N, C-alpha and C. Protein backbone atom coordinates (compact mmCIF):
# COMPACT_ATOMS: atom_id res chain seq x y z
N MET A 1 13.39 0.99 -4.50
CA MET A 1 12.20 0.70 -5.32
C MET A 1 11.25 -0.21 -4.52
N SER A 2 11.82 -1.09 -3.71
CA SER A 2 10.98 -2.02 -2.94
C SER A 2 10.07 -1.21 -2.01
N ASN A 3 10.63 -0.16 -1.42
CA ASN A 3 9.84 0.66 -0.50
C ASN A 3 8.63 1.25 -1.23
N PHE A 4 8.86 1.69 -2.46
CA PHE A 4 7.76 2.31 -3.23
C PHE A 4 6.61 1.31 -3.39
N ARG A 5 6.95 0.09 -3.77
CA ARG A 5 5.90 -0.93 -3.95
C ARG A 5 5.18 -1.18 -2.62
N ARG A 6 5.93 -1.20 -1.56
CA ARG A 6 5.32 -1.46 -0.24
C ARG A 6 4.32 -0.34 0.10
N GLU A 7 4.67 0.87 -0.26
CA GLU A 7 3.77 2.00 0.03
C GLU A 7 2.45 1.83 -0.71
N ILE A 8 2.54 1.42 -1.97
CA ILE A 8 1.32 1.24 -2.77
C ILE A 8 0.46 0.13 -2.17
N VAL A 9 1.11 -0.97 -1.81
CA VAL A 9 0.36 -2.10 -1.24
C VAL A 9 -0.32 -1.67 0.06
N GLY A 10 0.41 -0.95 0.89
CA GLY A 10 -0.16 -0.49 2.17
C GLY A 10 -1.34 0.44 1.92
N SER A 11 -1.19 1.35 0.96
CA SER A 11 -2.26 2.30 0.65
C SER A 11 -3.50 1.54 0.18
N SER A 12 -3.27 0.56 -0.68
CA SER A 12 -4.40 -0.23 -1.22
C SER A 12 -5.08 -0.99 -0.08
N PHE A 13 -4.28 -1.56 0.79
CA PHE A 13 -4.83 -2.34 1.91
C PHE A 13 -5.68 -1.44 2.82
N ILE A 14 -5.15 -0.27 3.12
CA ILE A 14 -5.88 0.67 4.00
C ILE A 14 -7.18 1.10 3.31
N SER A 15 -7.09 1.36 2.02
CA SER A 15 -8.29 1.79 1.27
C SER A 15 -9.35 0.69 1.32
N MET A 16 -8.93 -0.54 1.15
CA MET A 16 -9.88 -1.66 1.17
C MET A 16 -10.46 -1.86 2.57
N THR A 17 -9.61 -1.72 3.58
CA THR A 17 -10.06 -1.93 4.96
C THR A 17 -11.07 -0.85 5.34
N HIS A 18 -10.79 0.38 4.90
CA HIS A 18 -11.69 1.49 5.25
C HIS A 18 -12.79 1.61 4.22
């Protein structure tokens, strides 16, 4: 489950950066 949360955070971070 931790991995799932990490994926969401990473996706959000990339979206914000781009």
